[in-house]
């Protein structure tokens, strides 16, 4: 039996691979802002992981290994595509009142808008560190950049995001106050 058969038949490998799909999807979606593209990226990642399972030397490093594959799939996708406009078609459902759900959707849209305006490198680092909780060293390994660059991009991304969210909040407050009218 070759190492590939052993790893692929391993219940630990299969279980971890299946458990990682939602996390991979969340990061892929944060990078591309399109559900169908995120699905394709995750599917490609899983297929490549199964095909190249023999290259995984330590099952404890499977998370980093999978996110490295995802980052490579994302790079491959970007090489094949022309720049496109980001279109969010994310619909959230909730058991709460429609007003509460709409308010939460507005906040989500504002944050996604702000994140979408960040440069690609900053978006990648921000999503891996803040959404997925990877360490700087792990992110550096996944994306293939120095740790100092990860820290620098993350710092710039957080500052830019904070500034954009404050600006969007002020604009939103102004537009809301302009719409208020007295009805007798």
N, C-alpha and C. Protein backbone atom coordinates (compact mmCIF):
# COMPACT_ATOMS: atom_id res chain seq x y z
N UNK A 1 0.86 -1.20 0.00
CA UNK A 1 0.00 0.00 0.00
C UNK A 1 0.89 1.24 0.00
N UNK A 2 0.64 2.14 -0.92
CA UNK A 2 1.45 3.35 -0.97
C UNK A 2 0.92 4.38 0.04
N UNK A 3 1.70 5.42 0.37
CA UNK A 3 1.29 6.41 1.38
C UNK A 3 -0.01 7.12 1.01
N UNK A 4 -0.25 7.31 -0.28
CA UNK A 4 -1.47 7.99 -0.73
C UNK A 4 -2.70 7.22 -0.28
N UNK A 5 -2.69 5.90 -0.52
CA UNK A 5 -3.84 5.08 -0.11
C UNK A 5 -4.05 5.13 1.38
N UNK A 6 -2.96 5.08 2.13
CA UNK A 6 -3.07 5.10 3.58
C UNK A 6 -3.69 6.40 4.09
N UNK A 7 -3.19 7.53 3.58
CA UNK A 7 -3.70 8.83 4.05
C UNK A 7 -5.15 9.03 3.63
N UNK A 8 -5.47 8.74 2.37
CA UNK A 8 -6.83 8.96 1.87
C UNK A 8 -7.85 8.06 2.56
N UNK A 9 -7.42 6.89 2.96
CA UNK A 9 -8.34 5.97 3.64
C UNK A 9 -8.40 6.24 5.13
N UNK A 10 -7.54 7.09 5.61
CA UNK A 10 -7.50 7.42 7.02
C UNK A 10 -8.79 8.13 7.44
N UNK A 11 -9.48 7.62 8.47
CA UNK A 11 -10.71 8.30 8.92
C UNK A 11 -10.41 9.71 9.43
N UNK A 12 -9.22 9.92 9.99
CA UNK A 12 -8.85 11.25 10.49
C UNK A 12 -8.75 12.23 9.33
N UNK A 13 -8.12 11.81 8.25
CA UNK A 13 -7.96 12.68 7.08
C UNK A 13 -9.33 13.04 6.51
N UNK A 14 -10.17 12.05 6.30
CA UNK A 14 -11.50 12.28 5.74
C UNK A 14 -12.33 13.18 6.64
N UNK A 15 -12.29 12.92 7.93
CA UNK A 15 -13.08 13.71 8.88
C UNK A 15 -12.61 15.17 8.90
N UNK A 16 -11.30 15.37 9.00
CA UNK A 16 -10.78 16.73 9.03
C UNK A 16 -11.06 17.47 7.73
N UNK A 17 -10.96 16.75 6.62
CA UNK A 17 -11.23 17.37 5.33
C UNK A 17 -12.68 17.84 5.26
N UNK A 18 -13.60 17.02 5.70
CA UNK A 18 -15.02 17.39 5.69
C UNK A 18 -15.32 18.52 6.67
N UNK A 19 -14.68 18.51 7.83
CA UNK A 19 -14.89 19.55 8.84
C UNK A 19 -14.34 20.90 8.37
N UNK A 20 -13.35 20.88 7.51
CA UNK A 20 -12.71 22.11 7.05
C UNK A 20 -13.48 22.80 5.94
N UNK A 21 -14.38 22.11 5.27
CA UNK A 21 -15.10 22.69 4.13
C UNK A 21 -15.78 24.01 4.47
N UNK A 22 -16.53 24.13 5.59
CA UNK A 22 -17.17 25.42 5.88
C UNK A 22 -16.17 26.55 6.11
N UNK A 23 -15.06 26.24 6.76
CA UNK A 23 -14.04 27.27 6.99
C UNK A 23 -13.39 27.68 5.68
N UNK A 24 -13.11 26.72 4.83
CA UNK A 24 -12.54 27.02 3.52
C UNK A 24 -13.50 27.89 2.72
N UNK A 25 -14.78 27.56 2.78
CA UNK A 25 -15.79 28.32 2.04
C UNK A 25 -15.85 29.76 2.55
N UNK A 26 -15.84 29.91 3.88
CA UNK A 26 -15.93 31.25 4.46
C UNK A 26 -14.78 32.14 3.99
N UNK A 27 -13.58 31.60 3.98
CA UNK A 27 -12.42 32.37 3.54
C UNK A 27 -12.49 32.61 2.03
N UNK A 28 -12.85 31.59 1.27
CA UNK A 28 -12.96 31.75 -0.18
C UNK A 28 -13.99 32.83 -0.52
N UNK A 29 -15.11 32.82 0.19
CA UNK A 29 -16.14 33.83 -0.07
C UNK A 29 -15.65 35.22 0.29
N UNK A 30 -14.88 35.32 1.38
CA UNK A 30 -14.37 36.64 1.77
C UNK A 30 -13.37 37.17 0.74
N UNK A 31 -12.73 36.27 0.00
CA UNK A 31 -11.79 36.69 -1.03
C UNK A 31 -12.49 37.08 -2.33
N UNK A 32 -13.53 36.34 -2.71
CA UNK A 32 -14.11 36.55 -4.04
C UNK A 32 -15.49 37.20 -4.01
N UNK A 33 -16.20 37.16 -2.91
CA UNK A 33 -17.53 37.77 -2.77
C UNK A 33 -18.56 37.20 -3.74
N UNK A 34 -18.43 35.94 -4.08
CA UNK A 34 -19.38 35.28 -4.98
C UNK A 34 -19.52 33.82 -4.54
N UNK A 35 -20.74 33.43 -4.23
CA UNK A 35 -20.99 32.09 -3.70
C UNK A 35 -20.56 30.99 -4.67
N UNK A 36 -20.87 31.15 -5.95
CA UNK A 36 -20.53 30.10 -6.91
C UNK A 36 -19.02 29.96 -7.09
N UNK A 37 -18.31 31.07 -7.09
CA UNK A 37 -16.85 31.01 -7.22
C UNK A 37 -16.25 30.40 -5.96
N UNK A 38 -16.77 30.78 -4.79
CA UNK A 38 -16.27 30.21 -3.54
C UNK A 38 -16.49 28.70 -3.51
N UNK A 39 -17.66 28.25 -3.97
CA UNK A 39 -17.93 26.81 -4.05
C UNK A 39 -16.91 26.11 -4.95
N UNK A 40 -16.65 26.72 -6.11
CA UNK A 40 -15.68 26.13 -7.04
C UNK A 40 -14.28 26.08 -6.43
N UNK A 41 -13.89 27.15 -5.75
CA UNK A 41 -12.57 27.18 -5.12
C UNK A 41 -12.43 26.09 -4.06
N UNK A 42 -13.47 25.92 -3.25
CA UNK A 42 -13.43 24.89 -2.21
C UNK A 42 -13.39 23.51 -2.85
N UNK A 43 -14.20 23.31 -3.88
CA UNK A 43 -14.20 22.01 -4.57
C UNK A 43 -12.83 21.70 -5.16
N UNK A 44 -12.22 22.69 -5.81
CA UNK A 44 -10.87 22.50 -6.35
C UNK A 44 -9.87 22.19 -5.25
N UNK A 45 -10.00 22.89 -4.13
CA UNK A 45 -9.10 22.67 -2.99
C UNK A 45 -9.23 21.25 -2.49
N UNK A 46 -10.45 20.78 -2.30
CA UNK A 46 -10.67 19.42 -1.79
C UNK A 46 -10.14 18.38 -2.78
N UNK A 47 -10.40 18.60 -4.06
CA UNK A 47 -9.92 17.65 -5.06
C UNK A 47 -8.39 17.59 -5.08
N UNK A 48 -7.75 18.75 -5.02
CA UNK A 48 -6.29 18.78 -5.00
C UNK A 48 -5.75 18.16 -3.72
N UNK A 49 -6.45 18.38 -2.61
CA UNK A 49 -6.01 17.80 -1.34
C UNK A 49 -6.06 16.28 -1.40
N UNK A 50 -7.12 15.74 -1.96
CA UNK A 50 -7.24 14.28 -2.08
C UNK A 50 -6.18 13.75 -3.03
N UNK A 51 -6.01 14.42 -4.16
CA UNK A 51 -5.04 14.00 -5.15
C UNK A 51 -3.60 14.05 -4.61
N UNK A 52 -3.33 15.05 -3.76
CA UNK A 52 -1.97 15.25 -3.26
C UNK A 52 -1.83 14.90 -1.78
N UNK A 53 -2.68 14.05 -1.29
CA UNK A 53 -2.65 13.69 0.13
C UNK A 53 -1.31 13.12 0.54
N UNK A 54 -0.63 12.48 -0.37
CA UNK A 54 0.67 11.88 -0.05
C UNK A 54 1.72 12.93 0.30
N UNK A 55 1.49 14.20 -0.06
CA UNK A 55 2.47 15.25 0.25
C UNK A 55 2.30 15.79 1.66
N UNK A 56 1.18 15.47 2.30
CA UNK A 56 0.94 15.92 3.68
C UNK A 56 1.78 15.07 4.61
N UNK A 57 2.77 15.68 5.21
CA UNK A 57 3.70 14.93 6.05
C UNK A 57 3.22 14.82 7.50
N UNK A 58 2.49 15.83 7.96
CA UNK A 58 2.04 15.85 9.34
C UNK A 58 0.56 16.20 9.37
N UNK A 59 -0.27 15.28 9.80
CA UNK A 59 -1.73 15.49 9.83
C UNK A 59 -2.10 16.67 10.73
N UNK A 60 -1.22 17.02 11.68
CA UNK A 60 -1.47 18.15 12.58
C UNK A 60 -1.42 19.49 11.83
N UNK A 61 -0.75 19.50 10.68
CA UNK A 61 -0.62 20.73 9.90
C UNK A 61 -1.60 20.76 8.73
N UNK A 62 -2.64 19.95 8.81
CA UNK A 62 -3.58 19.84 7.71
C UNK A 62 -4.31 21.16 7.44
N UNK A 63 -4.64 21.91 8.49
CA UNK A 63 -5.34 23.19 8.30
C UNK A 63 -4.51 24.14 7.45
N UNK A 64 -3.27 24.34 7.81
CA UNK A 64 -2.39 25.23 7.04
C UNK A 64 -2.21 24.71 5.63
N UNK A 65 -2.05 23.41 5.50
CA UNK A 65 -1.86 22.78 4.20
C UNK A 65 -3.07 23.04 3.30
N UNK A 66 -4.28 22.87 3.84
CA UNK A 66 -5.50 23.10 3.05
C UNK A 66 -5.65 24.57 2.65
N UNK A 67 -5.36 25.48 3.58
CA UNK A 67 -5.49 26.90 3.25
C UNK A 67 -4.42 27.33 2.25
N UNK A 68 -3.27 26.68 2.27
CA UNK A 68 -2.25 26.94 1.25
C UNK A 68 -2.75 26.51 -0.12
N UNK A 69 -3.39 25.36 -0.17
CA UNK A 69 -3.97 24.89 -1.43
C UNK A 69 -5.06 25.86 -1.89
N UNK A 70 -5.90 26.32 -0.95
CA UNK A 70 -6.96 27.28 -1.30
C UNK A 70 -6.35 28.57 -1.86
N UNK A 71 -5.31 29.07 -1.22
CA UNK A 71 -4.66 30.30 -1.70
C UNK A 71 -4.10 30.09 -3.11
N UNK A 72 -3.55 28.92 -3.38
CA UNK A 72 -3.03 28.62 -4.72
C UNK A 72 -4.17 28.53 -5.74
N UNK A 73 -5.29 27.93 -5.34
CA UNK A 73 -6.46 27.86 -6.23
C UNK A 73 -6.97 29.27 -6.54
N UNK A 74 -6.97 30.13 -5.52
CA UNK A 74 -7.42 31.51 -5.71
C UNK A 74 -6.50 32.24 -6.69
N UNK A 75 -5.17 32.04 -6.53
CA UNK A 75 -4.22 32.66 -7.46
C UNK A 75 -4.46 32.16 -8.88
N UNK A 76 -4.68 30.86 -9.02
CA UNK A 76 -4.95 30.29 -10.34
C UNK A 76 -6.21 30.91 -10.94
N UNK A 77 -7.24 31.05 -10.13
CA UNK A 77 -8.49 31.65 -10.60
C UNK A 77 -8.26 33.09 -11.07
N UNK A 78 -7.54 33.88 -10.26
CA UNK A 78 -7.28 35.27 -10.62
C UNK A 78 -6.49 35.40 -11.91
N UNK A 79 -5.56 34.48 -12.14
CA UNK A 79 -4.78 34.51 -13.37
C UNK A 79 -5.67 34.29 -14.60
N UNK A 80 -6.73 33.52 -14.42
CA UNK A 80 -7.60 33.18 -15.54
C UNK A 80 -8.69 34.22 -15.79
N UNK A 81 -8.93 35.10 -14.84
CA UNK A 81 -10.07 36.01 -14.93
C UNK A 81 -9.66 37.43 -15.27
N UNK A 82 -10.57 38.12 -15.90
CA UNK A 82 -10.45 39.55 -16.07
C UNK A 82 -11.06 40.20 -14.84
N UNK A 83 -10.67 41.42 -14.51
CA UNK A 83 -11.29 42.07 -13.34
C UNK A 83 -12.80 42.20 -13.54
N UNK A 84 -13.54 41.90 -12.50
CA UNK A 84 -15.00 41.99 -12.55
C UNK A 84 -15.50 42.82 -11.38
N UNK A 85 -16.71 43.28 -11.49
CA UNK A 85 -17.34 44.00 -10.38
C UNK A 85 -17.81 43.02 -9.34
N UNK A 86 -17.61 43.36 -8.07
CA UNK A 86 -18.12 42.52 -6.99
C UNK A 86 -19.62 42.72 -6.86
N UNK A 87 -20.37 41.64 -6.85
CA UNK A 87 -21.81 41.72 -6.67
C UNK A 87 -22.17 40.80 -5.51
N UNK A 88 -22.73 41.39 -4.47
CA UNK A 88 -23.14 40.59 -3.32
C UNK A 88 -24.57 40.12 -3.49
N UNK A 89 -24.74 38.83 -3.47
CA UNK A 89 -26.08 38.26 -3.53
C UNK A 89 -26.32 37.42 -2.29
N UNK A 90 -25.78 37.87 -1.20
CA UNK A 90 -25.87 37.12 0.05
C UNK A 90 -27.18 37.48 0.75
N UNK A 91 -28.01 36.47 0.96
CA UNK A 91 -29.29 36.69 1.63
C UNK A 91 -29.23 35.95 2.97
N UNK A 92 -29.47 36.68 4.03
CA UNK A 92 -29.48 36.09 5.35
C UNK A 92 -30.92 35.92 5.82
N UNK A 93 -31.22 34.80 6.39
CA UNK A 93 -32.54 34.59 6.96
C UNK A 93 -32.41 34.53 8.46
N UNK A 94 -33.45 34.94 9.12
CA UNK A 94 -33.41 35.00 10.58
C UNK A 94 -34.83 34.84 11.10
N UNK A 95 -34.95 34.28 12.29
CA UNK A 95 -36.27 34.11 12.90
C UNK A 95 -36.74 35.38 13.59
N UNK A 96 -35.88 36.39 13.66
CA UNK A 96 -36.27 37.64 14.31
C UNK A 96 -37.18 38.45 13.39
N UNK A 97 -37.54 39.62 13.85
CA UNK A 97 -38.44 40.48 13.09
C UNK A 97 -37.79 40.91 11.78
N UNK A 98 -38.59 41.23 10.78
CA UNK A 98 -38.02 41.69 9.51
C UNK A 98 -37.19 42.96 9.67
N UNK A 99 -37.59 43.83 10.56
CA UNK A 99 -36.84 45.07 10.77
C UNK A 99 -35.44 44.78 11.31
N UNK A 100 -35.39 43.87 12.28
CA UNK A 100 -34.10 43.49 12.87
C UNK A 100 -33.22 42.81 11.82
N UNK A 101 -33.82 41.94 11.05
CA UNK A 101 -33.06 41.24 10.00
C UNK A 101 -32.54 42.24 8.97
N UNK A 102 -33.36 43.22 8.62
CA UNK A 102 -32.93 44.24 7.64
C UNK A 102 -31.80 45.09 8.19
N UNK A 103 -31.91 45.46 9.45
CA UNK A 103 -30.86 46.26 10.07
C UNK A 103 -29.54 45.48 10.09
N UNK A 104 -29.62 44.23 10.46
CA UNK A 104 -28.42 43.40 10.50
C UNK A 104 -27.86 43.23 9.08
N UNK A 105 -28.72 43.09 8.09
CA UNK A 105 -28.28 42.97 6.70
C UNK A 105 -27.58 44.26 6.25
N UNK A 106 -28.14 45.41 6.66
CA UNK A 106 -27.51 46.69 6.31
C UNK A 106 -26.11 46.78 6.89
N UNK A 107 -25.95 46.37 8.14
CA UNK A 107 -24.63 46.40 8.78
C UNK A 107 -23.68 45.46 8.06
N UNK A 108 -24.17 44.26 7.75
CA UNK A 108 -23.35 43.28 7.03
C UNK A 108 -22.92 43.84 5.68
N UNK A 109 -23.86 44.47 4.98
CA UNK A 109 -23.53 45.06 3.67
C UNK A 109 -22.47 46.14 3.79
N UNK A 110 -22.61 46.97 4.82
CA UNK A 110 -21.64 48.05 5.03
C UNK A 110 -20.25 47.48 5.29
N UNK A 111 -20.16 46.47 6.15
CA UNK A 111 -18.86 45.86 6.47
C UNK A 111 -18.30 45.18 5.22
N UNK A 112 -19.13 44.44 4.48
CA UNK A 112 -18.65 43.77 3.28
C UNK A 112 -18.19 44.78 2.23
N UNK A 113 -18.90 45.89 2.13
CA UNK A 113 -18.48 46.95 1.21
C UNK A 113 -17.11 47.47 1.60
N UNK A 114 -16.93 47.71 2.88
CA UNK A 114 -15.65 48.25 3.36
C UNK A 114 -14.53 47.25 3.13
N UNK A 115 -14.77 45.98 3.41
CA UNK A 115 -13.74 44.95 3.22
C UNK A 115 -13.44 44.79 1.73
N UNK A 116 -14.47 44.87 0.91
CA UNK A 116 -14.27 44.69 -0.54
C UNK A 116 -13.41 45.79 -1.15
N UNK A 117 -13.34 46.95 -0.53
CA UNK A 117 -12.53 48.04 -1.08
C UNK A 117 -11.05 47.89 -0.72
N UNK A 118 -10.75 46.99 0.21
CA UNK A 118 -9.35 46.78 0.58
C UNK A 118 -8.61 46.11 -0.57
N UNK A 119 -7.32 46.38 -0.70
CA UNK A 119 -6.53 45.67 -1.71
C UNK A 119 -6.55 44.17 -1.44
N UNK A 120 -6.39 43.37 -2.48
CA UNK A 120 -6.47 41.91 -2.38
C UNK A 120 -5.56 41.35 -1.29
N UNK A 121 -4.32 41.78 -1.22
CA UNK A 121 -3.38 41.26 -0.22
C UNK A 121 -3.85 41.53 1.20
N UNK A 122 -4.38 42.72 1.43
CA UNK A 122 -4.88 43.06 2.77
C UNK A 122 -6.13 42.23 3.08
N UNK A 123 -6.99 42.03 2.08
CA UNK A 123 -8.21 41.23 2.30
C UNK A 123 -7.86 39.80 2.66
N UNK A 124 -6.87 39.23 1.99
CA UNK A 124 -6.46 37.86 2.28
C UNK A 124 -5.96 37.74 3.71
N UNK A 125 -5.05 38.62 4.09
CA UNK A 125 -4.45 38.56 5.42
C UNK A 125 -5.53 38.80 6.49
N UNK A 126 -6.38 39.78 6.29
CA UNK A 126 -7.44 40.10 7.25
C UNK A 126 -8.37 38.92 7.46
N UNK A 127 -8.77 38.26 6.38
CA UNK A 127 -9.70 37.14 6.52
C UNK A 127 -9.04 35.94 7.19
N UNK A 128 -7.78 35.67 6.89
CA UNK A 128 -7.11 34.52 7.50
C UNK A 128 -6.83 34.74 8.98
N UNK A 129 -6.43 35.96 9.35
CA UNK A 129 -6.10 36.24 10.75
C UNK A 129 -7.37 36.47 11.57
N UNK A 130 -8.22 37.39 11.10
CA UNK A 130 -9.37 37.79 11.91
C UNK A 130 -10.57 36.85 11.80
N UNK A 131 -10.80 36.26 10.64
CA UNK A 131 -11.92 35.34 10.51
C UNK A 131 -11.55 33.92 10.92
N UNK A 132 -10.37 33.48 10.52
CA UNK A 132 -9.99 32.10 10.76
C UNK A 132 -9.06 31.89 11.95
N UNK A 133 -8.48 32.95 12.47
CA UNK A 133 -7.66 32.84 13.67
C UNK A 133 -6.28 32.23 13.45
N UNK A 134 -5.78 32.28 12.24
CA UNK A 134 -4.43 31.78 12.00
C UNK A 134 -3.41 32.74 12.58
N UNK A 135 -2.26 32.19 12.97
CA UNK A 135 -1.17 33.03 13.46
C UNK A 135 -0.51 33.72 12.27
N UNK A 136 0.29 34.74 12.57
CA UNK A 136 0.98 35.45 11.51
C UNK A 136 1.89 34.50 10.72
N UNK A 137 2.58 33.62 11.43
CA UNK A 137 3.49 32.68 10.78
C UNK A 137 2.72 31.73 9.86
N UNK A 138 1.56 31.26 10.30
CA UNK A 138 0.75 30.38 9.47
C UNK A 138 0.25 31.10 8.22
N UNK A 139 -0.17 32.34 8.38
CA UNK A 139 -0.65 33.12 7.23
C UNK A 139 0.50 33.36 6.25
N UNK A 140 1.68 33.65 6.79
CA UNK A 140 2.84 33.85 5.93
C UNK A 140 3.12 32.59 5.11
N UNK A 141 3.00 31.44 5.74
CA UNK A 141 3.22 30.17 5.05
C UNK A 141 2.12 29.90 4.01
N UNK A 142 0.88 30.18 4.37
CA UNK A 142 -0.25 29.93 3.46
C UNK A 142 -0.15 30.78 2.20
N UNK A 143 0.11 32.06 2.38
CA UNK A 143 0.12 32.99 1.24
C UNK A 143 1.48 33.02 0.56
N UNK A 144 2.52 32.67 1.30
CA UNK A 144 3.85 32.66 0.71
C UNK A 144 4.54 34.02 0.75
N UNK A 145 4.36 34.73 1.87
CA UNK A 145 5.00 36.04 2.05
C UNK A 145 5.68 36.05 3.41
N UNK A 146 6.60 36.99 3.66
CA UNK A 146 7.26 37.06 4.96
C UNK A 146 6.28 37.45 6.08
N UNK A 147 6.59 37.03 7.30
CA UNK A 147 5.74 37.33 8.45
C UNK A 147 5.59 38.83 8.66
N UNK A 148 6.65 39.58 8.46
CA UNK A 148 6.60 41.04 8.61
C UNK A 148 5.61 41.66 7.63
N UNK A 149 5.54 41.11 6.45
CA UNK A 149 4.59 41.61 5.45
C UNK A 149 3.16 41.32 5.89
N UNK A 150 2.96 40.15 6.50
CA UNK A 150 1.63 39.80 7.03
C UNK A 150 1.21 40.83 8.07
N UNK A 151 2.12 41.13 9.01
CA UNK A 151 1.80 42.08 10.07
C UNK A 151 1.54 43.47 9.50
N UNK A 152 2.34 43.87 8.54
CA UNK A 152 2.17 45.19 7.92
C UNK A 152 0.84 45.29 7.18
N UNK A 153 0.52 44.27 6.38
CA UNK A 153 -0.74 44.28 5.63
C UNK A 153 -1.94 44.26 6.57
N UNK A 154 -1.83 43.47 7.64
CA UNK A 154 -2.94 43.40 8.59
C UNK A 154 -3.15 44.73 9.29
N UNK A 155 -2.06 45.39 9.67
CA UNK A 155 -2.16 46.69 10.31
C UNK A 155 -2.82 47.70 9.37
N UNK A 156 -2.34 47.74 8.13
CA UNK A 156 -2.93 48.68 7.15
C UNK A 156 -4.39 48.35 6.88
N UNK A 157 -4.70 47.06 6.79
CA UNK A 157 -6.08 46.65 6.51
C UNK A 157 -7.01 47.07 7.65
N UNK A 158 -6.58 46.84 8.87
CA UNK A 158 -7.43 47.20 10.02
C UNK A 158 -7.64 48.71 10.10
N UNK A 159 -6.58 49.48 9.87
CA UNK A 159 -6.72 50.95 9.91
C UNK A 159 -7.64 51.43 8.80
N UNK A 160 -7.45 50.93 7.60
CA UNK A 160 -8.29 51.34 6.47
C UNK A 160 -9.74 50.94 6.70
N UNK A 161 -9.94 49.75 7.24
CA UNK A 161 -11.29 49.27 7.51
C UNK A 161 -11.97 50.14 8.56
N UNK A 162 -11.25 50.50 9.61
CA UNK A 162 -11.82 51.35 10.66
C UNK A 162 -12.20 52.72 10.10
N UNK A 163 -11.33 53.29 9.27
CA UNK A 163 -11.62 54.61 8.67
C UNK A 163 -12.85 54.53 7.76
N UNK A 164 -12.90 53.49 6.95
CA UNK A 164 -14.02 53.34 6.02
C UNK A 164 -15.34 53.13 6.76
N UNK A 165 -15.30 52.33 7.82
CA UNK A 165 -16.53 52.07 8.57
C UNK A 165 -17.01 53.33 9.28
N UNK A 166 -16.09 54.13 9.80
CA UNK A 166 -16.50 55.40 10.42
C UNK A 166 -17.11 56.33 9.38
N UNK A 167 -16.50 56.40 8.21
CA UNK A 167 -17.03 57.24 7.15
C UNK A 167 -18.40 56.75 6.68
N UNK A 168 -18.54 55.44 6.50
CA UNK A 168 -19.83 54.88 6.09
C UNK A 168 -20.90 55.10 7.15
N UNK A 169 -20.51 55.01 8.42
CA UNK A 169 -21.45 55.23 9.51
C UNK A 169 -21.96 56.68 9.49
N UNK A 170 -21.04 57.61 9.28
CA UNK A 170 -21.43 59.03 9.22
C UNK A 170 -22.35 59.29 8.03
N UNK A 171 -22.02 58.73 6.88
CA UNK A 171 -22.86 58.90 5.69
C UNK A 171 -24.24 58.27 5.89
N UNK A 172 -24.26 57.12 6.53
CA UNK A 172 -25.53 56.43 6.79
C UNK A 172 -26.39 57.25 7.75
N UNK A 173 -25.77 57.81 8.79
CA UNK A 173 -26.52 58.62 9.77
C UNK A 173 -27.09 59.87 9.09
N UNK A 174 -26.31 60.49 8.20
CA UNK A 174 -26.80 61.68 7.50
C UNK A 174 -27.97 61.33 6.58
N UNK A 175 -27.88 60.23 5.87
CA UNK A 175 -28.96 59.87 4.95
C UNK A 175 -30.21 59.47 5.72
N UNK A 176 -30.06 58.85 6.87
CA UNK A 176 -31.22 58.47 7.69
C UNK A 176 -31.91 59.71 8.25
N UNK A 177 -31.15 60.69 8.73
CA UNK A 177 -31.76 61.88 9.32
C UNK A 177 -32.45 62.72 8.26
N UNK A 178 -31.98 62.67 7.02
CA UNK A 178 -32.61 63.44 5.95
C UNK A 178 -33.95 62.84 5.55
N UNK A 179 -34.17 61.56 5.87
CA UNK A 179 -35.41 60.90 5.48
C UNK A 179 -36.49 60.99 6.55
N UNK A 180 -36.16 61.42 7.73
CA UNK A 180 -37.13 61.49 8.82
C UNK A 180 -38.05 62.69 8.57
N UNK A 181 -39.34 62.45 8.72
CA UNK A 181 -40.30 63.52 8.55
C UNK A 181 -41.40 63.37 9.58
N UNK A 182 -42.05 64.44 9.87
CA UNK A 182 -43.12 64.45 10.87
C UNK A 182 -44.44 64.19 10.15
N UNK A 183 -45.18 63.24 10.68
CA UNK A 183 -46.49 62.92 10.12
C UNK A 183 -47.52 63.21 11.18
N UNK A 184 -48.56 64.02 10.85
CA UNK A 184 -49.59 64.37 11.82
C UNK A 184 -50.88 63.66 11.50
